[in-house]
Amino acid sequence: MKLTELADLGKKGAEMNCTHQVLVPVLIMDTPEGIRILGITTPDLGDVQAEKAWMEKAIRNTLREAKATQYAHVVEGWGTTFIEASNRVQGQIRDLPPDDREDIAIVSAIRKGRSPLSFTSVIDTLPDGTRKVREWSKAEQTEGRMVITEW
């Protein structure tokens, strides 16, 4: 499977999954046995950084155990176009007031040892409470502990 096809699979999954209140994090792995899709839940540890560390370790271990050659990670996050506001909270967009940030879907597709291919889409909440992703945009830079290129 091409990495772009894996990313497209992640985007389609995010579009179907985001109608819920929270976009459930999903790992889509290309393994010797075929495509495997896993929902990832993080235990409530009472500390966001500890929860992120737990998720990173769980993803890395799962990729190793499955002998994945490439994967797509689908997750929800926040985005902002207010760079000054983002700088004031030292890059922690989650700490911005709700009017200064947007819910976004993030799909990162990664082949082992290579640079990631990532896409983002704003998630709109409609008047009836349902949610829908906008058009996808290719991310120019992707970084952070959840962008795992070696496992």
Protein backbone atom coordinates (compact mmCIF):
# COMPACT_ATOMS: atom_id res chain seq x y z
CA MET A 1 0.00 0.00 0.00
CA LYS A 2 1.29 3.46 -0.86
CA LEU A 3 1.75 5.88 2.04
CA THR A 4 -0.70 8.30 0.41
CA GLU A 5 -3.34 5.52 0.33
CA LEU A 6 -2.76 4.86 4.02
CA ALA A 7 -3.17 8.59 4.74
CA ASP A 8 -6.40 8.60 2.69
CA LEU A 9 -7.68 5.67 4.74
CA GLY A 10 -6.92 7.66 7.91
CA LYS A 11 -8.73 10.73 6.56
CA LYS A 12 -11.80 8.68 5.64
CA GLY A 13 -11.79 7.13 9.10
CA ALA A 14 -11.54 10.55 10.75
CA GLU A 15 -14.48 11.82 8.68
CA MET A 16 -16.63 8.89 9.81
CA ASN A 17 -15.41 8.99 13.43
CA CYS A 18 -15.54 12.75 14.12
CA THR A 19 -19.33 12.84 14.27
CA HIS A 20 -18.98 11.77 17.89
CA GLN A 21 -18.18 14.21 20.68
CA VAL A 22 -14.53 13.23 20.60
CA LEU A 23 -12.54 11.83 17.71
CA VAL A 24 -11.26 8.51 19.04
CA PRO A 25 -7.51 8.15 18.36
CA VAL A 26 -6.90 5.36 15.84
CA LEU A 27 -3.80 3.54 14.68
CA ILE A 28 -3.96 2.03 11.18
CA MET A 29 -1.01 -0.32 10.63
CA ASP A 30 0.29 -1.97 7.47
CA THR A 31 1.57 -5.33 8.72
CA PRO A 32 2.73 -8.60 7.12
CA GLU A 33 -0.78 -9.94 7.85
CA GLY A 34 -2.49 -6.95 6.19
CA ILE A 35 -4.08 -3.75 7.49
CA ARG A 36 -4.87 -3.66 11.23
CA ILE A 37 -6.95 -0.86 12.77
CA LEU A 38 -6.92 -0.20 16.52
CA GLY A 39 -8.72 2.40 18.61
CA ILE A 40 -6.45 3.84 21.29
CA THR A 41 -7.73 4.92 24.67
CA THR A 42 -5.51 6.57 27.24
CA PRO A 43 -5.98 5.97 30.95
CA ASP A 44 -6.85 9.04 33.01
CA LEU A 45 -3.59 9.60 34.85
CA GLY A 46 -4.51 13.13 35.96
CA ASP A 47 -1.53 14.57 34.05
CA VAL A 48 -1.63 15.39 30.34
CA GLN A 49 2.12 14.87 29.89
CA ALA A 50 2.01 11.44 31.59
CA GLU A 51 -0.94 10.46 29.39
CA LYS A 52 0.96 11.52 26.25
CA ALA A 53 4.02 9.54 27.37
CA TRP A 54 1.80 6.50 27.97
CA MET A 55 0.26 6.80 24.50
CA GLU A 56 3.64 7.23 22.81
CA LYS A 57 4.97 4.09 24.51
CA ALA A 58 1.80 2.12 23.68
CA ILE A 59 1.96 3.10 20.00
CA ARG A 60 5.68 2.29 19.72
CA ASN A 61 5.19 -1.13 21.38
CA THR A 62 2.13 -1.92 19.24
CA LEU A 63 4.02 -1.07 16.03
CA ARG A 64 6.90 -3.35 17.06
CA GLU A 65 4.66 -6.25 18.06
CA ALA A 66 2.64 -6.02 14.82
CA LYS A 67 5.84 -5.75 12.73
CA ALA A 68 4.28 -2.72 11.04
CA THR A 69 6.13 -1.32 8.05
CA GLN A 70 4.08 1.88 8.03
CA TYR A 71 1.12 3.34 9.86
CA ALA A 72 -1.35 6.19 10.02
CA HIS A 73 -2.22 7.83 13.32
CA VAL A 74 -5.58 9.64 13.51
CA VAL A 75 -6.06 11.99 16.44
CA GLU A 76 -7.94 15.13 17.46
CA GLY A 77 -6.14 18.24 18.63
CA TRP A 78 -6.39 21.99 18.60
CA GLY A 79 -5.17 24.52 16.11
CA THR A 80 -5.01 28.28 15.97
CA THR A 81 -4.19 31.01 13.53
CA PHE A 82 -3.40 33.38 16.40
CA ILE A 83 0.38 33.02 16.53
CA GLU A 84 0.86 35.70 19.20
CA ALA A 85 -1.70 34.02 21.47
CA SER A 86 -0.05 30.66 20.89
CA ASN A 87 3.36 32.10 21.79
CA ARG A 88 1.94 33.55 25.04
CA VAL A 89 0.90 30.07 26.20
CA GLN A 90 4.28 28.64 25.12
CA GLY A 91 2.83 26.56 22.31
CA GLN A 92 0.15 24.86 24.42
CA ILE A 93 -2.81 25.64 22.21
CA ARG A 94 -5.12 23.69 24.53
CA ASP A 95 -4.59 26.51 27.07
CA LEU A 96 -6.01 29.19 24.74
CA PRO A 97 -9.58 30.39 25.26
CA PRO A 98 -12.07 28.35 23.17
CA ASP A 99 -12.70 31.34 20.86
CA ASP A 100 -8.98 31.44 19.96
CA ARG A 101 -8.61 27.77 18.99
CA GLU A 102 -10.32 25.23 16.76
CA ASP A 103 -10.81 21.49 17.03
CA ILE A 104 -8.80 19.79 14.32
CA ALA A 105 -8.40 16.27 13.01
CA ILE A 106 -4.80 15.23 12.39
CA VAL A 107 -3.72 12.30 10.21
CA SER A 108 -0.03 11.41 10.15
CA ALA A 109 1.11 8.60 7.85
CA ILE A 110 4.61 7.31 8.49
CA ARG A 111 6.80 4.71 6.85
CA LYS A 112 9.43 3.36 9.23
CA GLY A 113 12.55 5.54 9.16
CA ARG A 114 11.06 8.15 6.81
CA SER A 115 9.59 11.63 7.10
CA PRO A 116 5.89 11.79 7.94
CA LEU A 117 3.11 12.74 5.57
CA SER A 118 0.52 14.70 7.55
CA PHE A 119 -2.84 16.32 6.97
CA THR A 120 -5.11 18.47 9.12
CA SER A 121 -8.74 19.49 8.93
CA VAL A 122 -10.80 21.82 11.09
CA ILE A 123 -13.73 20.07 12.75
CA ASP A 124 -16.90 22.16 12.74
CA THR A 125 -19.66 21.63 15.28
CA LEU A 126 -22.99 22.14 13.52
CA PRO A 127 -26.08 23.72 15.16
CA ASP A 128 -27.59 20.28 15.79
CA GLY A 129 -24.47 19.25 17.74
CA THR A 130 -23.04 16.93 15.08
CA ARG A 131 -19.51 17.46 13.85
CA LYS A 132 -17.99 17.43 10.40
CA VAL A 133 -14.46 17.85 9.03
CA ARG A 134 -13.68 20.54 6.48
CA GLU A 135 -11.39 20.05 3.51
CA TRP A 136 -8.03 18.45 4.34
CA SER A 137 -4.80 20.46 4.12
CA LYS A 138 -1.32 19.01 3.85
CA ALA A 139 0.78 20.02 6.86
CA GLU A 140 4.13 21.49 5.89
CA GLN A 141 5.80 20.46 9.15
CA THR A 142 4.90 17.67 11.50
CA GLU A 143 6.63 17.22 14.80
CA GLY A 144 6.03 16.09 18.33
CA ARG A 145 6.31 12.93 20.35
CA MET A 146 3.40 11.25 18.56
CA VAL A 147 5.25 11.37 15.23
CA ILE A 148 7.10 8.09 15.69
CA THR A 149 9.46 7.25 12.83
CA GLU A 150 11.49 4.50 14.52
CA TRP A 151 10.06 1.52 16.36
